[in-house]
Amino acid sequence: MCGLTMWRWPVLPTAWEEETWSCSWCYAATQVGGEWFEISCPLYLPMEMRWERAVADGLASGVSHAFGIVDKTLCGIQEVGMSPSDHWWLPERENACGACREAARVIDDRWPQAMRGEEAWVSVTRRL
């Protein structure tokens, strides 16, 4: 997305499943593989629609953290088994972690302006 190095999520792909690669700078995720071996990058989403709420036994109750990458919140808290919930993390909420909010703003600013429109969506399928 932004041209920097990406890392592969630690999930073993199969012939019919996708690999997910993420950028540690702008957090763009790219899916590679699947039945049609498609390479696709998601559309830009604003902060309030981009992050799921983090769920883990070790997180303090009463504070809502954004799930960043495997086992980690955007503010850097790491708990084994942490996962995204089925609910958005809403940065404008009173109980939203301030450090997650600041990290989300920094990451949002890193997303290339040229890659924020609908025409920026990329999907390429392997031809057989």
Protein backbone atom coordinates (compact mmCIF):
# COMPACT_ATOMS: atom_id res chain seq x y z
CA MET A 1 0.00 0.00 0.00
CA CYS A 2 2.55 2.57 1.12
CA GLY A 3 5.55 0.72 -0.31
CA LEU A 4 7.15 -0.41 2.96
CA THR A 5 7.90 -3.97 4.03
CA MET A 6 4.95 -6.15 4.97
CA TRP A 7 4.81 -9.15 7.32
CA ARG A 8 2.71 -12.32 6.98
CA TRP A 9 0.18 -13.15 9.68
CA PRO A 10 1.11 -16.40 11.47
CA VAL A 11 -1.69 -18.48 9.97
CA LEU A 12 -0.85 -21.43 7.78
CA PRO A 13 -2.55 -21.02 4.40
CA THR A 14 -4.05 -23.93 2.49
CA ALA A 15 -4.61 -24.21 -1.24
CA TRP A 16 -8.06 -22.64 -0.83
CA GLU A 17 -7.38 -20.08 1.89
CA GLU A 18 -5.69 -16.72 1.82
CA GLU A 19 -2.56 -15.41 3.45
CA THR A 20 -2.83 -12.02 5.08
CA TRP A 21 0.09 -9.60 4.90
CA SER A 22 0.14 -6.35 6.88
CA CYS A 23 2.26 -3.24 6.86
CA SER A 24 3.60 -2.27 10.28
CA TRP A 25 3.74 1.38 9.17
CA CYS A 26 0.25 2.12 7.77
CA TYR A 27 -1.42 -1.17 8.90
CA ALA A 28 -2.85 -1.85 5.45
CA ALA A 29 -3.69 -5.53 5.06
CA THR A 30 -3.33 -7.39 1.79
CA GLN A 31 -4.91 -10.77 1.12
CA VAL A 32 -3.06 -13.16 -1.18
CA GLY A 33 -4.22 -16.54 -2.40
CA GLY A 34 -7.50 -18.34 -2.17
CA GLU A 35 -9.22 -20.41 -4.83
CA TRP A 36 -8.55 -17.84 -7.58
CA PHE A 37 -5.22 -16.67 -6.17
CA GLU A 38 -6.44 -13.13 -5.83
CA ILE A 39 -4.29 -10.29 -4.50
CA SER A 40 -6.44 -7.56 -2.99
CA CYS A 41 -6.03 -4.50 -0.80
CA PRO A 42 -8.97 -3.09 1.14
CA LEU A 43 -10.39 0.38 0.72
CA TYR A 44 -9.28 3.10 3.10
CA LEU A 45 -11.58 3.36 6.09
CA PRO A 46 -11.70 6.26 8.56
CA MET A 47 -10.61 5.63 12.17
CA GLU A 48 -14.11 4.98 13.51
CA MET A 49 -14.67 2.21 10.94
CA ARG A 50 -11.19 0.70 10.78
CA TRP A 51 -10.51 -0.89 14.15
CA GLU A 52 -12.23 -3.62 16.14
CA ARG A 53 -12.30 -3.56 19.93
CA ALA A 54 -9.62 -5.77 21.50
CA VAL A 55 -10.72 -8.68 23.69
CA ALA A 56 -8.42 -10.46 26.15
CA ASP A 57 -8.58 -11.71 29.72
CA GLY A 58 -5.72 -9.44 30.82
CA LEU A 59 -7.22 -6.13 29.65
CA ALA A 60 -8.57 -3.80 32.30
CA SER A 61 -12.35 -3.46 32.29
CA GLY A 62 -13.78 -0.04 31.65
CA VAL A 63 -11.22 0.90 28.99
CA SER A 64 -11.83 0.12 25.33
CA HIS A 65 -8.66 -0.73 23.37
CA ALA A 66 -8.26 -1.04 19.61
CA PHE A 67 -7.02 -4.38 18.30
CA GLY A 68 -3.90 -3.68 16.27
CA ILE A 69 -2.03 -6.81 15.25
CA VAL A 70 -1.74 -10.37 16.52
CA ASP A 71 -2.03 -10.36 20.34
CA LYS A 72 -1.50 -6.57 20.56
CA THR A 73 -3.50 -3.39 20.98
CA LEU A 74 -2.67 -0.21 19.09
CA CYS A 75 -1.18 1.22 22.29
CA GLY A 76 1.14 -1.78 22.62
CA ILE A 77 -0.50 -3.95 25.28
CA GLN A 78 0.24 -7.56 24.46
CA GLU A 79 -1.81 -10.47 25.79
CA VAL A 80 -1.62 -14.05 24.57
CA GLY A 81 -4.87 -14.96 22.86
CA MET A 82 -5.99 -11.37 22.31
CA SER A 83 -8.41 -11.08 19.43
CA PRO A 84 -10.65 -8.53 17.75
CA SER A 85 -14.26 -8.51 18.91
CA ASP A 86 -17.28 -8.36 16.63
CA HIS A 87 -17.69 -4.68 17.56
CA TRP A 88 -16.02 -1.52 16.32
CA TRP A 89 -13.57 0.31 18.54
CA LEU A 90 -14.95 3.84 18.60
CA PRO A 91 -12.21 6.43 19.24
CA GLU A 92 -14.70 9.18 20.13
CA ARG A 93 -16.14 7.23 23.07
CA GLU A 94 -15.29 8.42 26.57
CA ASN A 95 -13.86 5.01 27.57
CA ALA A 96 -11.59 4.71 24.48
CA CYS A 97 -7.92 4.34 25.36
CA GLY A 98 -6.18 7.66 24.71
CA ALA A 99 -2.94 5.98 23.62
CA CYS A 100 -4.86 3.78 21.15
CA ARG A 101 -6.62 6.91 19.86
CA GLU A 102 -3.29 8.68 19.30
CA ALA A 103 -1.78 5.62 17.59
CA ALA A 104 -4.86 5.35 15.36
CA ARG A 105 -4.45 9.01 14.33
CA VAL A 106 -0.75 8.51 13.53
CA ILE A 107 -1.50 5.37 11.50
CA ASP A 108 -4.37 7.10 9.71
CA ASP A 109 -2.05 9.96 8.72
CA ARG A 110 0.39 7.42 7.25
CA TRP A 111 -2.18 5.97 4.84
CA PRO A 112 -1.22 7.45 1.44
CA GLN A 113 -3.66 10.14 0.29
CA ALA A 114 -3.56 8.72 -3.24
CA MET A 115 -4.83 5.37 -1.91
CA ARG A 116 -7.93 6.72 -0.13
CA GLY A 117 -10.48 6.80 -2.94
CA GLU A 118 -12.61 3.98 -4.38
CA GLU A 119 -10.42 3.87 -7.46
CA ALA A 120 -7.47 2.91 -5.21
CA TRP A 121 -8.90 -0.56 -4.47
CA VAL A 122 -6.76 -3.23 -6.08
CA SER A 123 -7.72 -6.79 -6.95
CA VAL A 124 -5.73 -8.97 -9.31
CA THR A 125 -6.65 -12.56 -10.12
CA ARG A 126 -4.18 -15.08 -11.52
CA ARG A 127 -5.00 -16.12 -15.04
CA LEU A 128 -4.90 -19.85 -15.69
